[in-house]
Amino acid sequence: MDKKPAKDQKKKRTPRKITPRYLENAALYYLQRYASSAGNLRRVLTRKVDRSCLFHGTAADEFYPVIDDLVARYEKSGLLNDTLYAEGRTASLRRQGKSRQAISANLKSKGLAPDTIQKALESVDGERAADDLPAELAAALKLARKRKIGRFNQKPESDPLLRRKQQAREMGIMARGGFSYDIARQALDFAADDEDSGFSDFT
């Protein structure tokens, strides 16, 4: 007997009918599990309302003010704080080797305002102002090490033509990560003697 695909075995959950009480419970449950910006929570709840109302044939518009009231209340109480969320998310992404461009895109997708994103980057990157390595270069080095490219490539091509192709591929990885040409070039060409000047802090 043939087995059904796993996706067919999973039962589709019927959306709960939306009520103000259910929305508040859903919001608190979400915030218990995930850090969130105000915009992201609003989007999560709006998606839940739209899906439920479409299924049950009810009007979604009447619940949007409820979402706004919940978000405003949580902001006032401090349960939602876009500044702290942006700074925490930025610091986490920097540790993962994310570029300024990639971080900005990620935070924008979470519903954060451009000025909040800018301030978070300045705050997080400013904490390393006294270090030898700029935050963007340190992040690029982190990515290079994770992907084992540039000076972290243990098996560089010896053939000149193949090496050029390898270098082009490595530069492409850095570019897709959102790093500028200059930063990528510095990260990939980072001299061994320079590692002691601050990169050890990022390993």
N, C-alpha and C. Protein backbone atom coordinates (compact mmCIF):
# COMPACT_ATOMS: atom_id res chain seq x y z
N MET A 1 0.84 -1.21 0.00
CA MET A 1 0.00 0.00 0.00
C MET A 1 0.87 1.25 0.00
N ASP A 2 0.59 2.11 -0.96
CA ASP A 2 1.40 3.32 -1.07
C ASP A 2 1.11 4.27 0.07
N LYS A 3 2.18 4.88 0.54
CA LYS A 3 2.03 5.88 1.61
C LYS A 3 1.71 7.23 1.00
N LYS A 4 0.83 7.95 1.64
CA LYS A 4 0.51 9.29 1.17
C LYS A 4 1.63 10.24 1.54
N PRO A 5 1.90 11.23 0.68
CA PRO A 5 2.92 12.22 1.01
C PRO A 5 2.62 12.88 2.34
N ALA A 6 3.68 13.27 3.04
CA ALA A 6 3.51 13.86 4.37
C ALA A 6 2.59 15.06 4.35
N LYS A 7 2.70 15.85 3.26
CA LYS A 7 1.88 17.07 3.21
C LYS A 7 0.40 16.74 3.11
N ASP A 8 0.09 15.55 2.50
CA ASP A 8 -1.31 15.16 2.38
C ASP A 8 -1.85 14.60 3.69
N GLN A 9 -0.92 14.12 4.53
CA GLN A 9 -1.34 13.54 5.80
C GLN A 9 -1.67 14.61 6.83
N LYS A 10 -1.11 15.79 6.62
CA LYS A 10 -1.36 16.87 7.57
C LYS A 10 -2.74 17.48 7.33
N LYS A 11 -3.48 17.58 8.35
CA LYS A 11 -4.80 18.19 8.24
C LYS A 11 -4.68 19.70 8.24
N LYS A 12 -5.39 20.31 7.32
CA LYS A 12 -5.39 21.77 7.29
C LYS A 12 -6.24 22.29 8.45
N ARG A 13 -5.65 23.18 9.20
CA ARG A 13 -6.36 23.71 10.37
C ARG A 13 -7.38 24.74 9.93
N THR A 14 -8.58 24.59 10.45
CA THR A 14 -9.63 25.56 10.15
C THR A 14 -9.37 26.83 10.95
N PRO A 15 -9.34 27.99 10.30
CA PRO A 15 -9.08 29.23 11.03
C PRO A 15 -10.14 29.49 12.09
N ARG A 16 -9.70 29.90 13.26
CA ARG A 16 -10.65 30.26 14.33
C ARG A 16 -11.39 31.52 13.93
N LYS A 17 -12.63 31.61 14.37
CA LYS A 17 -13.39 32.82 14.11
C LYS A 17 -12.83 33.93 14.98
N ILE A 18 -12.60 35.08 14.38
CA ILE A 18 -11.94 36.18 15.07
C ILE A 18 -12.88 36.88 16.04
N THR A 19 -12.37 37.12 17.24
CA THR A 19 -13.02 37.98 18.23
C THR A 19 -11.92 38.85 18.85
N PRO A 20 -12.27 39.98 19.45
CA PRO A 20 -11.25 40.80 20.10
C PRO A 20 -10.44 40.03 21.14
N ARG A 21 -11.11 39.17 21.90
CA ARG A 21 -10.41 38.39 22.92
C ARG A 21 -9.42 37.41 22.29
N TYR A 22 -9.86 36.77 21.22
CA TYR A 22 -8.98 35.84 20.53
C TYR A 22 -7.76 36.56 19.95
N LEU A 23 -7.97 37.75 19.41
CA LEU A 23 -6.86 38.52 18.85
C LEU A 23 -5.84 38.88 19.92
N GLU A 24 -6.32 39.28 21.08
CA GLU A 24 -5.39 39.63 22.15
C GLU A 24 -4.61 38.41 22.63
N ASN A 25 -5.28 37.30 22.77
CA ASN A 25 -4.60 36.07 23.17
C ASN A 25 -3.55 35.66 22.13
N ALA A 26 -3.92 35.82 20.86
CA ALA A 26 -2.99 35.46 19.78
C ALA A 26 -1.77 36.38 19.80
N ALA A 27 -2.00 37.66 20.07
CA ALA A 27 -0.90 38.62 20.11
C ALA A 27 0.06 38.31 21.26
N LEU A 28 -0.49 38.05 22.43
CA LEU A 28 0.35 37.75 23.59
C LEU A 28 1.11 36.44 23.42
N TYR A 29 0.46 35.48 22.82
CA TYR A 29 1.12 34.19 22.57
C TYR A 29 2.29 34.37 21.61
N TYR A 30 2.07 35.18 20.58
CA TYR A 30 3.14 35.45 19.61
C TYR A 30 4.32 36.15 20.28
N LEU A 31 4.03 37.14 21.11
CA LEU A 31 5.10 37.91 21.77
C LEU A 31 5.84 37.08 22.81
N GLN A 32 5.20 36.06 23.34
CA GLN A 32 5.87 35.15 24.27
C GLN A 32 6.90 34.29 23.53
N ARG A 33 6.65 34.04 22.27
CA ARG A 33 7.52 33.15 21.49
C ARG A 33 8.57 33.89 20.68
N TYR A 34 8.23 35.10 20.24
CA TYR A 34 9.13 35.83 19.34
C TYR A 34 9.29 37.29 19.76
N ALA A 35 10.50 37.80 19.55
CA ALA A 35 10.68 39.26 19.64
C ALA A 35 10.05 39.86 18.39
N SER A 36 9.48 41.04 18.53
CA SER A 36 8.77 41.61 17.39
C SER A 36 8.77 43.13 17.43
N SER A 37 8.71 43.69 16.25
CA SER A 37 8.47 45.13 16.14
C SER A 37 6.97 45.36 16.11
N ALA A 38 6.57 46.61 16.28
CA ALA A 38 5.14 46.94 16.23
C ALA A 38 4.56 46.61 14.86
N GLY A 39 5.31 46.98 13.81
CA GLY A 39 4.84 46.74 12.45
C GLY A 39 4.71 45.26 12.13
N ASN A 40 5.65 44.48 12.64
CA ASN A 40 5.61 43.04 12.37
C ASN A 40 4.42 42.39 13.08
N LEU A 41 4.18 42.78 14.33
CA LEU A 41 3.02 42.21 15.05
C LEU A 41 1.73 42.60 14.36
N ARG A 42 1.66 43.85 13.90
CA ARG A 42 0.45 44.30 13.20
C ARG A 42 0.22 43.45 11.94
N ARG A 43 1.30 43.16 11.22
CA ARG A 43 1.19 42.36 9.99
C ARG A 43 0.76 40.92 10.31
N VAL A 44 1.32 40.35 11.38
CA VAL A 44 0.96 38.99 11.77
C VAL A 44 -0.52 38.89 12.12
N LEU A 45 -0.99 39.85 12.90
CA LEU A 45 -2.41 39.83 13.31
C LEU A 45 -3.33 40.13 12.13
N THR A 46 -2.91 41.03 11.27
CA THR A 46 -3.73 41.36 10.10
C THR A 46 -3.87 40.16 9.19
N ARG A 47 -2.79 39.42 9.01
CA ARG A 47 -2.83 38.21 8.18
C ARG A 47 -3.79 37.17 8.79
N LYS A 48 -3.74 37.07 10.11
CA LYS A 48 -4.62 36.12 10.81
C LYS A 48 -6.09 36.53 10.62
N VAL A 49 -6.36 37.82 10.75
CA VAL A 49 -7.73 38.32 10.57
C VAL A 49 -8.20 38.09 9.14
N ASP A 50 -7.37 38.43 8.17
CA ASP A 50 -7.77 38.29 6.76
C ASP A 50 -8.07 36.83 6.41
N ARG A 51 -7.23 35.93 6.89
CA ARG A 51 -7.43 34.51 6.59
C ARG A 51 -8.72 33.99 7.22
N SER A 52 -8.93 34.36 8.47
CA SER A 52 -10.13 33.88 9.17
C SER A 52 -11.40 34.45 8.55
N CYS A 53 -11.40 35.74 8.29
CA CYS A 53 -12.61 36.38 7.77
C CYS A 53 -12.93 35.91 6.35
N LEU A 54 -11.88 35.62 5.57
CA LEU A 54 -12.11 35.09 4.23
C LEU A 54 -12.76 33.70 4.32
N PHE A 55 -12.29 32.90 5.26
CA PHE A 55 -12.82 31.55 5.43
C PHE A 55 -14.27 31.57 5.93
N HIS A 56 -14.53 32.43 6.91
CA HIS A 56 -15.85 32.46 7.53
C HIS A 56 -16.82 33.43 6.85
N GLY A 57 -16.33 34.17 5.87
CA GLY A 57 -17.20 35.09 5.16
C GLY A 57 -17.65 36.27 5.98
N THR A 58 -16.79 36.74 6.87
CA THR A 58 -17.11 37.90 7.71
C THR A 58 -16.25 39.09 7.30
N ALA A 59 -16.62 40.26 7.80
CA ALA A 59 -15.91 41.49 7.43
C ALA A 59 -14.64 41.66 8.27
N ALA A 60 -13.51 41.85 7.59
CA ALA A 60 -12.24 42.01 8.29
C ALA A 60 -12.05 43.43 8.82
N ASP A 61 -12.67 44.40 8.15
CA ASP A 61 -12.43 45.81 8.49
C ASP A 61 -12.71 46.14 9.94
N GLU A 62 -13.68 45.49 10.53
CA GLU A 62 -14.05 45.84 11.90
C GLU A 62 -12.98 45.43 12.92
N PHE A 63 -12.07 44.54 12.52
CA PHE A 63 -11.05 44.07 13.45
C PHE A 63 -9.72 44.83 13.34
N TYR A 64 -9.55 45.61 12.26
CA TYR A 64 -8.31 46.36 12.11
C TYR A 64 -8.10 47.39 13.22
N PRO A 65 -9.15 48.11 13.64
CA PRO A 65 -8.98 49.03 14.79
C PRO A 65 -8.60 48.29 16.07
N VAL A 66 -9.08 47.07 16.22
CA VAL A 66 -8.72 46.28 17.40
C VAL A 66 -7.22 46.00 17.40
N ILE A 67 -6.68 45.68 16.23
CA ILE A 67 -5.24 45.45 16.09
C ILE A 67 -4.46 46.71 16.43
N ASP A 68 -4.93 47.84 15.90
CA ASP A 68 -4.25 49.11 16.18
C ASP A 68 -4.24 49.41 17.68
N ASP A 69 -5.36 49.15 18.34
CA ASP A 69 -5.45 49.41 19.79
C ASP A 69 -4.51 48.50 20.57
N LEU A 70 -4.42 47.23 20.16
CA LEU A 70 -3.52 46.30 20.85
C LEU A 70 -2.06 46.73 20.70
N VAL A 71 -1.68 47.10 19.48
CA VAL A 71 -0.30 47.51 19.23
C VAL A 71 0.02 48.77 20.03
N ALA A 72 -0.89 49.73 20.03
CA ALA A 72 -0.67 50.98 20.76
C ALA A 72 -0.54 50.71 22.26
N ARG A 73 -1.37 49.81 22.78
CA ARG A 73 -1.33 49.47 24.20
C ARG A 73 -0.01 48.80 24.56
N TYR A 74 0.45 47.90 23.71
CA TYR A 74 1.70 47.19 23.99
C TYR A 74 2.91 48.11 23.87
N GLU A 75 2.82 49.08 22.97
CA GLU A 75 3.90 50.06 22.86
C GLU A 75 3.96 50.93 24.12
N LYS A 76 2.80 51.33 24.59
CA LYS A 76 2.75 52.17 25.78
C LYS A 76 3.27 51.45 27.01
N SER A 77 2.98 50.16 27.09
CA SER A 77 3.41 49.37 28.26
C SER A 77 4.87 48.95 28.16
N GLY A 78 5.45 49.08 26.97
CA GLY A 78 6.84 48.67 26.79
C GLY A 78 6.99 47.25 26.29
N LEU A 79 5.88 46.56 26.11
CA LEU A 79 5.94 45.20 25.60
C LEU A 79 6.45 45.18 24.16
N LEU A 80 6.13 46.25 23.44
CA LEU A 80 6.69 46.46 22.11
C LEU A 80 7.59 47.69 22.15
N ASN A 81 8.80 47.56 21.68
CA ASN A 81 9.74 48.69 21.67
C ASN A 81 10.59 48.55 20.41
N ASP A 82 10.24 49.33 19.40
CA ASP A 82 10.93 49.21 18.11
C ASP A 82 12.43 49.51 18.20
N THR A 83 12.79 50.46 19.06
CA THR A 83 14.20 50.82 19.19
C THR A 83 15.02 49.65 19.74
N LEU A 84 14.55 49.07 20.82
CA LEU A 84 15.26 47.93 21.42
C LEU A 84 15.25 46.72 20.49
N TYR A 85 14.11 46.50 19.84
CA TYR A 85 14.03 45.38 18.91
C TYR A 85 15.02 45.55 17.77
N ALA A 86 15.09 46.75 17.20
CA ALA A 86 15.99 47.02 16.07
C ALA A 86 17.45 46.84 16.48
N GLU A 87 17.79 47.33 17.67
CA GLU A 87 19.18 47.21 18.13
C GLU A 87 19.55 45.75 18.39
N GLY A 88 18.64 45.01 19.00
CA GLY A 88 18.90 43.60 19.28
C GLY A 88 19.02 42.78 18.00
N ARG A 89 18.13 43.06 17.07
CA ARG A 89 18.15 42.34 15.79
C ARG A 89 19.42 42.69 15.00
N THR A 90 19.79 43.96 15.02
CA THR A 90 20.99 44.40 14.31
C THR A 90 22.24 43.73 14.87
N ALA A 91 22.35 43.71 16.19
CA ALA A 91 23.51 43.08 16.83
C ALA A 91 23.59 41.60 16.48
N SER A 92 22.44 40.93 16.48
CA SER A 92 22.41 39.51 16.16
C SER A 92 22.83 39.26 14.72
N LEU A 93 22.33 40.08 13.80
CA LEU A 93 22.67 39.91 12.38
C LEU A 93 24.13 40.25 12.11
N ARG A 94 24.67 41.23 12.83
CA ARG A 94 26.09 41.55 12.67
C ARG A 94 26.95 40.35 13.08
N ARG A 95 26.56 39.71 14.16
CA ARG A 95 27.31 38.54 14.63
C ARG A 95 27.26 37.40 13.61
N GLN A 96 26.22 37.40 12.80
CA GLN A 96 26.09 36.36 11.78
C GLN A 96 26.85 36.69 10.50
N GLY A 97 27.46 37.89 10.47
CA GLY A 97 28.21 38.29 9.29
C GLY A 97 27.36 38.97 8.23
N LYS A 98 26.28 39.64 8.66
CA LYS A 98 25.41 40.32 7.73
C LYS A 98 25.88 41.75 7.47
N SER A 99 25.74 42.20 6.23
CA SER A 99 26.15 43.54 5.84
C SER A 99 25.12 44.57 6.28
N ARG A 100 25.51 45.81 6.20
CA ARG A 100 24.61 46.92 6.53
C ARG A 100 23.38 46.88 5.62
N GLN A 101 23.62 46.61 4.35
CA GLN A 101 22.53 46.54 3.38
C GLN A 101 21.57 45.41 3.70
N ALA A 102 22.11 44.25 4.04
CA ALA A 102 21.26 43.09 4.36
C ALA A 102 20.47 43.34 5.64
N ILE A 103 21.10 43.96 6.62
CA ILE A 103 20.41 44.25 7.87
C ILE A 103 19.28 45.24 7.65
N SER A 104 19.55 46.27 6.86
CA SER A 104 18.52 47.26 6.57
C SER A 104 17.31 46.62 5.90
N ALA A 105 17.57 45.72 4.95
CA ALA A 105 16.48 45.04 4.24
C ALA A 105 15.69 44.15 5.21
N ASN A 106 16.39 43.47 6.09
CA ASN A 106 15.72 42.59 7.05
C ASN A 106 14.83 43.39 8.00
N LEU A 107 15.36 44.48 8.53
CA LEU A 107 14.58 45.28 9.47
C LEU A 107 13.41 45.98 8.77
N LYS A 108 13.61 46.36 7.54
CA LYS A 108 12.51 46.97 6.78
C LYS A 108 11.39 45.97 6.60
N SER A 109 11.74 44.70 6.37
CA SER A 109 10.72 43.66 6.20
C SER A 109 9.94 43.41 7.48
N LYS A 110 10.51 43.84 8.62
CA LYS A 110 9.84 43.69 9.92
C LYS A 110 8.98 44.90 10.25
N GLY A 111 8.86 45.83 9.30
CA GLY A 111 7.99 46.98 9.50
C GLY A 111 8.62 48.14 10.23
N LEU A 112 9.94 48.17 10.32
CA LEU A 112 10.61 49.25 11.04
C LEU A 112 10.85 50.45 10.13
N ALA A 113 10.76 51.64 10.71
CA ALA A 113 10.95 52.88 9.96
C ALA A 113 12.42 53.09 9.62
N PRO A 114 12.71 53.75 8.49
CA PRO A 114 14.10 53.98 8.08
C PRO A 114 14.96 54.66 9.15
N ASP A 115 14.39 55.65 9.87
CA ASP A 115 15.19 56.34 10.88
C ASP A 115 15.49 55.42 12.07
N THR A 116 14.58 54.51 12.40
CA THR A 116 14.82 53.55 13.48
C THR A 116 15.94 52.59 13.08
N ILE A 117 15.92 52.17 11.82
CA ILE A 117 16.95 51.27 11.31
C ILE A 117 18.31 51.95 11.32
N GLN A 118 18.34 53.20 10.86
CA GLN A 118 19.59 53.95 10.81
C GLN A 118 20.19 54.12 12.21
N LYS A 119 19.34 54.47 13.16
CA LYS A 119 19.82 54.68 14.53
C LYS A 119 20.33 53.37 15.14
N ALA A 120 19.66 52.27 14.84
CA ALA A 120 20.09 50.97 15.37
C ALA A 120 21.46 50.60 14.83
N LEU A 121 21.67 50.81 13.54
CA LEU A 121 22.97 50.52 12.94
C LEU A 121 24.06 51.39 13.54
N GLU A 122 23.75 52.66 13.71
CA GLU A 122 24.73 53.58 14.29
C GLU A 122 25.06 53.20 15.72
N SER A 123 24.04 52.79 16.47
CA SER A 123 24.25 52.42 17.87
C SER A 123 25.08 51.16 18.00
N VAL A 124 24.70 50.12 17.25
CA VAL A 124 25.41 48.84 17.33
C VAL A 124 26.83 48.95 16.79
N ASP A 125 26.95 49.58 15.63
CA ASP A 125 28.28 49.72 15.02
C ASP A 125 29.15 50.67 15.83
N GLY A 126 28.52 51.64 16.48
CA GLY A 126 29.27 52.60 17.28
C GLY A 126 29.93 51.98 18.49
N GLU A 127 29.38 50.86 18.94
CA GLU A 127 29.95 50.18 20.10
C GLU A 127 31.33 49.61 19.79
N ARG A 128 31.64 49.46 18.51
CA ARG A 128 32.94 48.95 18.11
C ARG A 128 33.85 50.06 17.60
N ALA A 129 33.48 51.30 17.86
CA ALA A 129 34.24 52.44 17.35
C ALA A 129 35.68 52.44 17.85
N ALA A 130 35.89 51.94 19.05
CA ALA A 130 37.24 51.95 19.62
C ALA A 130 38.07 50.76 19.16
N ASP A 131 37.46 49.80 18.47
CA ASP A 131 38.18 48.62 18.01
C ASP A 131 38.92 48.92 16.71
N ASP A 132 39.82 48.01 16.35
CA ASP A 132 40.62 48.21 15.15
C ASP A 132 39.86 47.94 13.87
N LEU A 133 38.83 47.13 13.94
CA LEU A 133 38.08 46.77 12.75
C LEU A 133 36.73 47.46 12.68
N PRO A 134 36.43 48.14 11.56
CA PRO A 134 35.07 48.68 11.38
C PRO A 134 34.06 47.54 11.34
N ALA A 135 32.85 47.83 11.78
CA ALA A 135 31.82 46.79 11.88
C ALA A 135 31.53 46.13 10.54
N GLU A 136 31.51 46.90 9.46
CA GLU A 136 31.19 46.33 8.14
C GLU A 136 32.27 45.37 7.69
N LEU A 137 33.52 45.72 7.92
CA LEU A 137 34.63 44.83 7.55
C LEU A 137 34.62 43.58 8.42
N ALA A 138 34.36 43.75 9.70
CA ALA A 138 34.31 42.60 10.60
C ALA A 138 33.21 41.63 10.17
N ALA A 139 32.06 42.16 9.74
CA ALA A 139 30.97 41.31 9.28
C ALA A 139 31.35 40.59 7.99
N ALA A 140 32.03 41.29 7.09
CA ALA A 140 32.47 40.67 5.84
C ALA A 140 33.46 39.55 6.11
N LEU A 141 34.32 39.74 7.06
CA LEU A 141 35.28 38.70 7.44
C LEU A 141 34.57 37.50 8.04
N LYS A 142 33.53 37.77 8.80
CA LYS A 142 32.74 36.70 9.38
C LYS A 142 32.13 35.84 8.27
N LEU A 143 31.58 36.50 7.26
CA LEU A 143 30.98 35.78 6.13
C LEU A 143 32.05 34.99 5.38
N ALA A 144 33.21 35.61 5.16
CA ALA A 144 34.30 34.92 4.44
C ALA A 144 34.73 33.67 5.18
N ARG A 145 34.81 33.77 6.48
CA ARG A 145 35.22 32.60 7.27
C ARG A 145 34.14 31.52 7.22
N LYS A 146 32.88 31.89 7.35
CA LYS A 146 31.79 30.91 7.32
C LYS A 146 31.73 30.19 5.98
N ARG A 147 31.98 30.93 4.88
CA ARG A 147 31.90 30.33 3.56
C ARG A 147 33.23 29.74 3.09
N LYS A 148 34.29 29.92 3.93
CA LYS A 148 35.62 29.40 3.60
C LYS A 148 36.11 29.92 2.26
N ILE A 149 36.05 31.24 2.13
CA ILE A 149 36.53 31.88 0.90
C ILE A 149 37.62 32.89 1.23
N GLY A 150 38.30 33.39 0.19
CA GLY A 150 39.38 34.34 0.42
C GLY A 150 40.52 33.68 1.18
N ARG A 151 41.00 34.37 2.18
CA ARG A 151 42.13 33.83 2.94
C ARG A 151 41.73 32.65 3.81
N PHE A 152 40.44 32.38 3.92
CA PHE A 152 39.97 31.24 4.70
C PHE A 152 39.77 29.99 3.84
N ASN A 153 40.04 30.13 2.55
CA ASN A 153 39.93 28.99 1.64
C ASN A 153 41.17 28.11 1.81
N GLN A 154 40.98 26.91 2.30
CA GLN A 154 42.10 26.01 2.56
C GLN A 154 42.63 25.34 1.30
N LYS A 155 41.88 25.42 0.19
CA LYS A 155 42.32 24.79 -1.06
C LYS A 155 42.20 25.77 -2.23
N PRO A 156 42.98 26.86 -2.20
CA PRO A 156 42.93 27.82 -3.30
C PRO A 156 43.44 27.20 -4.60
N GLU A 157 42.87 27.59 -5.70
CA GLU A 157 43.30 27.10 -7.01
C GLU A 157 44.71 27.61 -7.32
N SER A 158 45.55 26.73 -7.85
CA SER A 158 46.92 27.12 -8.21
C SER A 158 47.01 27.57 -9.66
N ASP A 159 46.11 27.05 -10.49
CA ASP A 159 46.10 27.46 -11.89
C ASP A 159 45.57 28.90 -11.99
N PRO A 160 46.28 29.80 -12.67
CA PRO A 160 45.88 31.22 -12.74
C PRO A 160 44.45 31.42 -13.26
N LEU A 161 44.08 30.69 -14.32
CA LEU A 161 42.75 30.85 -14.89
C LEU A 161 41.68 30.39 -13.90
N LEU A 162 41.91 29.23 -13.31
CA LEU A 162 40.95 28.71 -12.33
C LEU A 162 40.89 29.60 -11.10
N ARG A 163 42.03 30.15 -10.72
CA ARG A 163 42.06 31.03 -9.55
C ARG A 163 41.25 32.29 -9.80
N ARG A 164 41.33 32.83 -11.02
CA ARG A 164 40.54 34.02 -11.34
C ARG A 164 39.04 33.72 -11.28
N LYS A 165 38.67 32.53 -11.76
CA LYS A 165 37.27 32.13 -11.69
C LYS A 165 36.83 31.96 -10.23
N GLN A 166 37.73 31.40 -9.43
CA GLN A 166 37.44 31.22 -8.01
C GLN A 166 37.26 32.57 -7.32
N GLN A 167 38.14 33.50 -7.64
CA GLN A 167 38.04 34.83 -7.04
C GLN A 167 36.76 35.54 -7.45
N ALA A 168 36.36 35.36 -8.72
CA ALA A 168 35.11 35.97 -9.20
C ALA A 168 33.93 35.39 -8.44
N ARG A 169 33.95 34.07 -8.20
CA ARG A 169 32.87 33.43 -7.45
C ARG A 169 32.82 33.96 -6.02
N GLU A 170 34.00 34.12 -5.42
CA GLU A 170 34.06 34.61 -4.05
C GLU A 170 33.56 36.05 -3.94
N MET A 171 33.92 36.86 -4.93
CA MET A 171 33.43 38.24 -4.94
C MET A 171 31.91 38.27 -5.11
N GLY A 172 31.41 37.32 -5.89
CA GLY A 172 29.96 37.24 -6.08
C GLY A 172 29.24 36.91 -4.78
N ILE A 173 29.83 36.05 -3.99
CA ILE A 173 29.25 35.70 -2.68
C ILE A 173 29.18 36.94 -1.79
N MET A 174 30.26 37.71 -1.78
CA MET A 174 30.29 38.92 -0.96
C MET A 174 29.29 39.96 -1.46
N ALA A 175 29.20 40.08 -2.80
CA ALA A 175 28.27 41.06 -3.37
C ALA A 175 26.83 40.69 -3.05
N ARG A 176 26.51 39.40 -3.15
CA ARG A 176 25.15 38.97 -2.82
C ARG A 176 24.85 39.14 -1.34
N GLY A 177 25.90 39.18 -0.53
CA GLY A 177 25.73 39.44 0.89
C GLY A 177 25.51 40.91 1.20
N GLY A 178 25.63 41.75 0.17
CA GLY A 178 25.38 43.19 0.36
C GLY A 178 26.61 44.02 0.66
N PHE A 179 27.79 43.43 0.52
CA PHE A 179 29.01 44.17 0.82
C PHE A 179 29.52 44.90 -0.41
N SER A 180 30.07 46.08 -0.19
CA SER A 180 30.62 46.87 -1.29
C SER A 180 31.87 46.19 -1.84
N TYR A 181 32.30 46.61 -3.02
CA TYR A 181 33.49 46.03 -3.63
C TYR A 181 34.71 46.23 -2.74
N ASP A 182 34.87 47.43 -2.21
CA ASP A 182 36.05 47.73 -1.38
C ASP A 182 36.08 46.87 -0.12
N ILE A 183 34.94 46.74 0.55
CA ILE A 183 34.89 45.92 1.76
C ILE A 183 35.14 44.45 1.42
N ALA A 184 34.54 43.97 0.34
CA ALA A 184 34.73 42.58 -0.06
C ALA A 184 36.19 42.31 -0.38
N ARG A 185 36.79 43.24 -1.09
CA ARG A 185 38.21 43.07 -1.46
C ARG A 185 39.09 43.03 -0.21
N GLN A 186 38.80 43.91 0.73
CA GLN A 186 39.58 43.92 1.98
C GLN A 186 39.41 42.62 2.75
N ALA A 187 38.17 42.13 2.80
CA ALA A 187 37.91 40.91 3.56
C ALA A 187 38.59 39.70 2.92
N LEU A 188 38.52 39.60 1.62
CA LEU A 188 39.09 38.45 0.92
C LEU A 188 40.61 38.50 0.89
N ASP A 189 41.18 39.70 0.96
CA ASP A 189 42.63 39.86 0.91
C ASP A 189 43.24 40.12 2.28
N PHE A 190 42.44 39.96 3.33
CA PHE A 190 42.91 40.28 4.68
C PHE A 190 44.21 39.55 4.99
N ALA A 191 45.24 40.29 5.34
CA ALA A 191 46.55 39.70 5.58
C ALA A 191 46.57 38.96 6.91
N ALA A 192 47.36 37.90 6.96
CA ALA A 192 47.45 37.09 8.17
C ALA A 192 47.90 37.92 9.36
N ASP A 193 48.81 38.87 9.13
CA ASP A 193 49.32 39.68 10.23
C ASP A 193 48.25 40.56 10.83
N ASP A 194 47.20 40.83 10.06
CA ASP A 194 46.15 41.73 10.54
C ASP A 194 45.15 41.04 11.45
N GLU A 195 45.15 39.73 11.48
CA GLU A 195 44.14 39.04 12.28
C GLU A 195 44.25 39.39 13.76
N ASP A 196 45.47 39.62 14.23
CA ASP A 196 45.67 39.94 15.65
C ASP A 196 45.17 41.33 16.00
N SER A 197 44.83 42.15 14.99
CA SER A 197 44.45 43.52 15.26
C SER A 197 43.00 43.66 15.66
N GLY A 198 42.27 42.55 15.71
CA GLY A 198 40.88 42.68 16.17
C GLY A 198 39.93 41.63 15.67
N PHE A 199 40.29 40.89 14.62
CA PHE A 199 39.36 39.91 14.08
C PHE A 199 39.08 38.79 15.06
N SER A 200 40.01 38.51 15.95
CA SER A 200 39.81 37.40 16.91
C SER A 200 38.56 37.62 17.75
N ASP A 201 38.13 38.86 17.90
CA ASP A 201 36.93 39.16 18.68
C ASP A 201 35.67 38.64 18.02
N PHE A 202 35.72 38.35 16.72
CA PHE A 202 34.53 37.99 15.97
C PHE A 202 34.46 36.50 15.68
N THR A 203 35.37 35.73 16.22
CA THR A 203 35.38 34.29 15.93
C THR A 203 34.54 33.55 16.96
